[in-house]
Structure formats: structure tokens, C-alpha cells
Protein backbone atom coordinates (compact mmCIF):
# COMPACT_ATOMS: atom_id res chain seq x y z
CA UNK A 1 26.24 -34.14 -46.03
CA UNK A 2 22.98 -35.21 -47.60
CA UNK A 3 21.41 -38.50 -46.70
CA UNK A 4 21.10 -41.30 -49.49
CA UNK A 5 17.32 -40.78 -49.62
CA UNK A 6 17.69 -37.18 -49.93
CA UNK A 7 20.32 -37.66 -52.99
CA UNK A 8 17.68 -40.08 -54.28
CA UNK A 9 15.00 -37.26 -54.07
CA UNK A 10 16.92 -34.82 -55.81
CA UNK A 11 17.58 -37.01 -58.67
CA UNK A 12 13.95 -37.71 -59.05
CA UNK A 13 13.13 -34.12 -58.98
CA UNK A 14 15.47 -33.30 -61.51
CA UNK A 15 17.43 -31.02 -59.01
CA UNK A 16 21.06 -30.75 -59.64
CA UNK A 17 23.74 -29.89 -57.18
CA UNK A 18 26.26 -28.83 -59.82
CA UNK A 19 25.48 -25.08 -59.40
CA UNK A 20 26.14 -25.06 -55.78
CA UNK A 21 27.76 -28.29 -54.64
CA UNK A 22 26.57 -30.51 -51.81
CA UNK A 23 29.13 -29.52 -49.42
CA UNK A 24 28.16 -25.51 -50.03
CA UNK A 25 24.44 -26.50 -49.78
CA UNK A 26 24.99 -27.91 -46.37
CA UNK A 27 27.01 -25.34 -45.15
CA UNK A 28 24.41 -22.84 -45.98
CA UNK A 29 21.70 -25.21 -44.29
CA UNK A 30 23.82 -25.06 -41.18
CA UNK A 31 24.66 -21.31 -41.41
CA UNK A 32 21.83 -19.62 -43.10
CA UNK A 33 23.49 -16.05 -42.50
CA UNK A 34 26.00 -16.76 -44.80
CA UNK A 35 23.41 -16.59 -47.75
CA UNK A 36 24.39 -12.98 -48.26
CA UNK A 37 28.04 -14.21 -49.37
CA UNK A 38 26.24 -16.65 -52.04
CA UNK A 39 26.21 -15.61 -55.78
CA UNK A 40 22.77 -15.24 -57.37
CA UNK A 41 23.32 -18.76 -59.01
CA UNK A 42 24.18 -20.12 -55.83
CA UNK A 43 21.10 -18.69 -54.24
CA UNK A 44 18.80 -19.70 -56.67
CA UNK A 45 20.16 -23.34 -56.85
CA UNK A 46 20.01 -23.52 -53.13
CA UNK A 47 16.32 -22.64 -53.16
CA UNK A 48 15.44 -25.18 -56.03
CA UNK A 49 17.27 -27.90 -53.97
CA UNK A 50 15.81 -26.99 -50.65
CA UNK A 51 12.45 -26.88 -52.24
CA UNK A 52 12.69 -30.13 -53.96
CA UNK A 53 13.71 -31.65 -50.60
CA UNK A 54 10.86 -30.21 -48.83
CA UNK A 55 8.24 -31.23 -51.29
CA UNK A 56 9.88 -34.84 -51.18
CA UNK A 57 8.90 -35.02 -47.51
CA UNK A 58 12.81 -34.49 -46.22
CA UNK A 59 13.50 -30.81 -45.75
CA UNK A 60 16.88 -29.83 -45.11
CA UNK A 61 15.71 -26.40 -43.49
CA UNK A 62 12.91 -24.90 -41.78
CA UNK A 63 10.00 -23.32 -43.60
CA UNK A 64 10.61 -19.95 -41.69
CA UNK A 65 14.34 -20.18 -42.66
CA UNK A 66 13.23 -20.85 -46.27
CA UNK A 67 10.91 -18.00 -46.47
CA UNK A 68 12.11 -15.33 -44.34
CA UNK A 69 15.94 -15.63 -44.88
CA UNK A 70 16.40 -17.25 -48.29
CA UNK A 71 13.18 -16.51 -50.52
CA UNK A 72 13.90 -13.05 -48.63
CA UNK A 73 17.43 -12.48 -50.10
CA UNK A 74 16.28 -13.48 -53.62
CA UNK A 75 13.46 -11.18 -53.38
CA UNK A 76 15.76 -8.33 -52.10
CA UNK A 77 18.33 -9.11 -55.17
CA UNK A 78 15.79 -9.81 -57.95
CA UNK A 79 12.42 -9.07 -57.19
CA UNK A 80 11.15 -10.04 -60.49
CA UNK A 81 12.87 -13.53 -60.47
CA UNK A 82 10.40 -16.28 -61.84
CA UNK A 83 10.97 -18.37 -58.65
CA UNK A 84 9.16 -15.58 -56.83
CA UNK A 85 6.07 -15.66 -59.03
CA UNK A 86 5.50 -19.16 -60.26
CA UNK A 87 2.97 -21.44 -58.52
CA UNK A 88 4.12 -24.93 -58.53
CA UNK A 89 1.68 -27.92 -59.03
CA UNK A 90 1.09 -30.07 -56.10
CA UNK A 91 2.27 -33.70 -56.60
CA UNK A 92 -0.61 -36.05 -57.34
CA UNK A 93 -2.75 -37.06 -54.33
CA UNK A 94 -3.19 -40.48 -53.98
CA UNK A 95 -5.76 -40.44 -51.16
CA UNK A 96 -9.48 -39.84 -51.00
CA UNK A 97 -10.56 -35.98 -52.62
CA UNK A 98 -13.40 -34.18 -51.90
CA UNK A 99 -14.96 -31.90 -54.43
CA UNK A 100 -15.44 -28.34 -52.71
CA UNK A 101 -18.67 -26.10 -53.36
CA UNK A 102 -16.33 -23.40 -54.35
CA UNK A 103 -12.71 -22.85 -55.84
CA UNK A 104 -9.97 -22.41 -52.80
CA UNK A 105 -7.42 -19.48 -53.52
CA UNK A 106 -4.14 -19.26 -52.39
CA UNK A 107 -2.97 -16.27 -50.24
CA UNK A 108 0.56 -16.42 -52.26
CA UNK A 109 2.51 -16.55 -49.04
CA UNK A 110 1.33 -13.13 -48.09
CA UNK A 111 3.24 -12.25 -44.89
CA UNK A 112 2.76 -8.08 -44.68
CA UNK A 113 -0.12 -6.14 -44.81
CA UNK A 114 0.70 -4.89 -48.36
CA UNK A 115 0.96 -8.19 -49.63
CA UNK A 116 -2.27 -9.16 -47.88
CA UNK A 117 -3.96 -6.21 -49.76
CA UNK A 118 -2.65 -6.99 -53.09
CA UNK A 119 -3.92 -10.49 -52.62
CA UNK A 120 -7.36 -9.19 -51.72
CA UNK A 121 -7.14 -6.78 -54.65
CA UNK A 122 -6.79 -10.04 -56.95
CA UNK A 123 -9.58 -11.98 -55.34
CA UNK A 124 -11.76 -8.95 -55.48
CA UNK A 125 -10.87 -8.68 -59.46
CA UNK A 126 -11.63 -12.39 -59.65
CA UNK A 127 -15.12 -11.71 -58.07
CA UNK A 128 -15.95 -9.21 -60.47
CA UNK A 129 -14.88 -11.27 -63.44
CA UNK A 130 -17.41 -13.88 -61.88
CA UNK A 131 -20.02 -11.45 -61.75
CA UNK A 132 -19.99 -11.54 -57.91
CA UNK A 133 -20.00 -8.27 -55.81
CA UNK A 134 -16.88 -8.41 -53.59
CA UNK A 135 -18.43 -6.10 -51.02
CA UNK A 136 -21.09 -8.30 -50.06
CA UNK A 137 -19.54 -11.65 -50.23
CA UNK A 138 -20.32 -13.38 -47.09
CA UNK A 139 -18.43 -16.77 -47.10
CA UNK A 140 -16.17 -18.41 -44.90
CA UNK A 141 -13.16 -17.17 -46.75
CA UNK A 142 -14.40 -13.67 -46.71
CA UNK A 143 -15.33 -13.89 -43.00
CA UNK A 144 -11.95 -12.65 -41.76
CA UNK A 145 -12.36 -9.48 -43.98
CA UNK A 146 -15.82 -8.74 -42.68
CA UNK A 147 -15.66 -9.71 -39.02
CA UNK A 148 -12.95 -10.67 -36.36
CA UNK A 149 -13.07 -14.24 -35.78
CA UNK A 150 -10.86 -15.85 -33.17
CA UNK A 151 -8.09 -16.60 -35.70
CA UNK A 152 -7.50 -12.89 -36.64
CA UNK A 153 -5.83 -9.98 -34.84
CA UNK A 154 -8.51 -8.12 -32.85
CA UNK A 155 -9.45 -5.05 -34.82
CA UNK A 156 -7.72 -5.99 -38.08
CA UNK A 157 -8.62 -7.85 -41.26
CA UNK A 158 -5.33 -9.57 -41.51
CA UNK A 159 -5.28 -13.17 -40.19
CA UNK A 160 -3.45 -13.42 -36.97
CA UNK A 161 -0.82 -16.01 -38.32
CA UNK A 162 -0.08 -13.60 -41.18
CA UNK A 163 0.19 -10.63 -38.75
CA UNK A 164 2.48 -12.79 -36.58
CA UNK A 165 4.59 -13.72 -39.71
CA UNK A 166 4.96 -10.14 -40.61
CA UNK A 167 5.87 -9.14 -36.97
CA UNK A 168 3.41 -6.24 -36.93
CA UNK A 169 0.43 -5.94 -34.45
CA UNK A 170 -0.80 -2.68 -35.81
CA UNK A 171 -4.46 -2.53 -36.36
CA UNK A 172 -6.03 -2.29 -39.72
CA UNK A 173 -7.04 1.33 -40.64
CA UNK A 174 -9.97 -0.10 -42.60
CA UNK A 175 -12.96 0.81 -40.41
CA UNK A 176 -15.01 -2.07 -42.13
CA UNK A 177 -12.54 -4.42 -40.47
CA UNK A 178 -13.23 -3.23 -36.98
CA UNK A 179 -15.99 -5.73 -36.04
CA UNK A 180 -16.48 -6.82 -32.52
CA UNK A 181 -14.27 -9.85 -31.48
CA UNK A 182 -15.58 -13.27 -30.30
CA UNK A 183 -15.08 -12.19 -26.75
CA UNK A 184 -17.41 -9.41 -27.29
CA UNK A 185 -21.19 -9.87 -26.93
CA UNK A 186 -22.93 -10.10 -30.36
CA UNK A 187 -19.91 -11.59 -32.44
CA UNK A 188 -21.16 -14.48 -34.79
CA UNK A 189 -19.45 -15.97 -37.60
CA UNK A 190 -20.95 -14.92 -40.94
CA UNK A 191 -23.41 -17.45 -42.57
CA UNK A 192 -22.30 -18.98 -45.77
């Protein structure tokens, strides 16, 4: 069952258990494989409640279960569901903030090569709208696409963490990505 603080968080977030019930929610947390037997309404309710608990600092399931079991099930059933395409605002941050010289762009939870390529296409379009030449961009955020720093899979433009999540180690077919690795002589990060 949910703790008192979790129940309080759900009330604060406006997340309701009426579409799934507390018992069923907790059962699915303990046995994620049972999500296939849940109805669409239960699945969406589960995701909203799990997200509210996560954002409140008291997650009921792991990030990987949320992404690769529950969210993947919704993507399989209803690929156009709004829950898959909306970006939630982050809660107000009470700590010190720092103005960045450039806008940080989200990878939109890109876990496969295809999703990363679609993300890159959106970034390229945004660069064009800003009058920037995407092909010659040479910033830290672009570095993993033009060279292979230590955080990427050797010979591939897909960041290593993303490749691991996608459970792939296939080399990128983009010849431009085949830059030397840090271990190779001559590798140096791009200067911003």
C-alpha cells in the first residue's frame, strides 16, 4: 500500500486513484509484467500516478521500469497518446539558477537510433530557423555528433548511454561520425 506521504503527494498533484485503485496500482508496481492485462485506462492512470510520485520525490517504480515496461506498453497500444508527446514543466526550482549562454535542448527520451536521428533532425531544423548552419556547428552539445568523446560508443554518433538503453552497439553508418576516439592519438574535444 502507499505510504501516507505518497498519498499526500498524489492529492497535491491532483492525481487520483479512482481509475485504477490503490491495490491494483501497488500490484502492478510489484509485478510489472501484469501490465499487459491492464486496460488502457488503467495503464494511463498507472503512468500518471507513477509520474506524480516520481516528481514528488517518492518513486514507486524504477525509471527503467517506467520507460521500458509501462511507457513502452502505452507506446505499443496507443503511439499517438498525448502522454507520450507532451513535455511537462519542471516544478519551480528554489535554489540558485545559472543563466546559460545557449538554450539547452531535450533529447526527448531518445533510446533508439531512429529516435536519436529524429531528435537530431529537429535540432537541425531549429538551427536553420535561427540562421545557423547545423553542419558547421561546433559546440559542446554538438561534439558527440562530430567526434567521439569518451561518453560515446566508439565509431558512433549515438551517446553510449543512449546506445546502452537501446541495447545496441551497432556502429553508426554515418561516415562523419567515424572520428578518432580519445584513446587514439589526435583526439581532442571540439572547442566551443
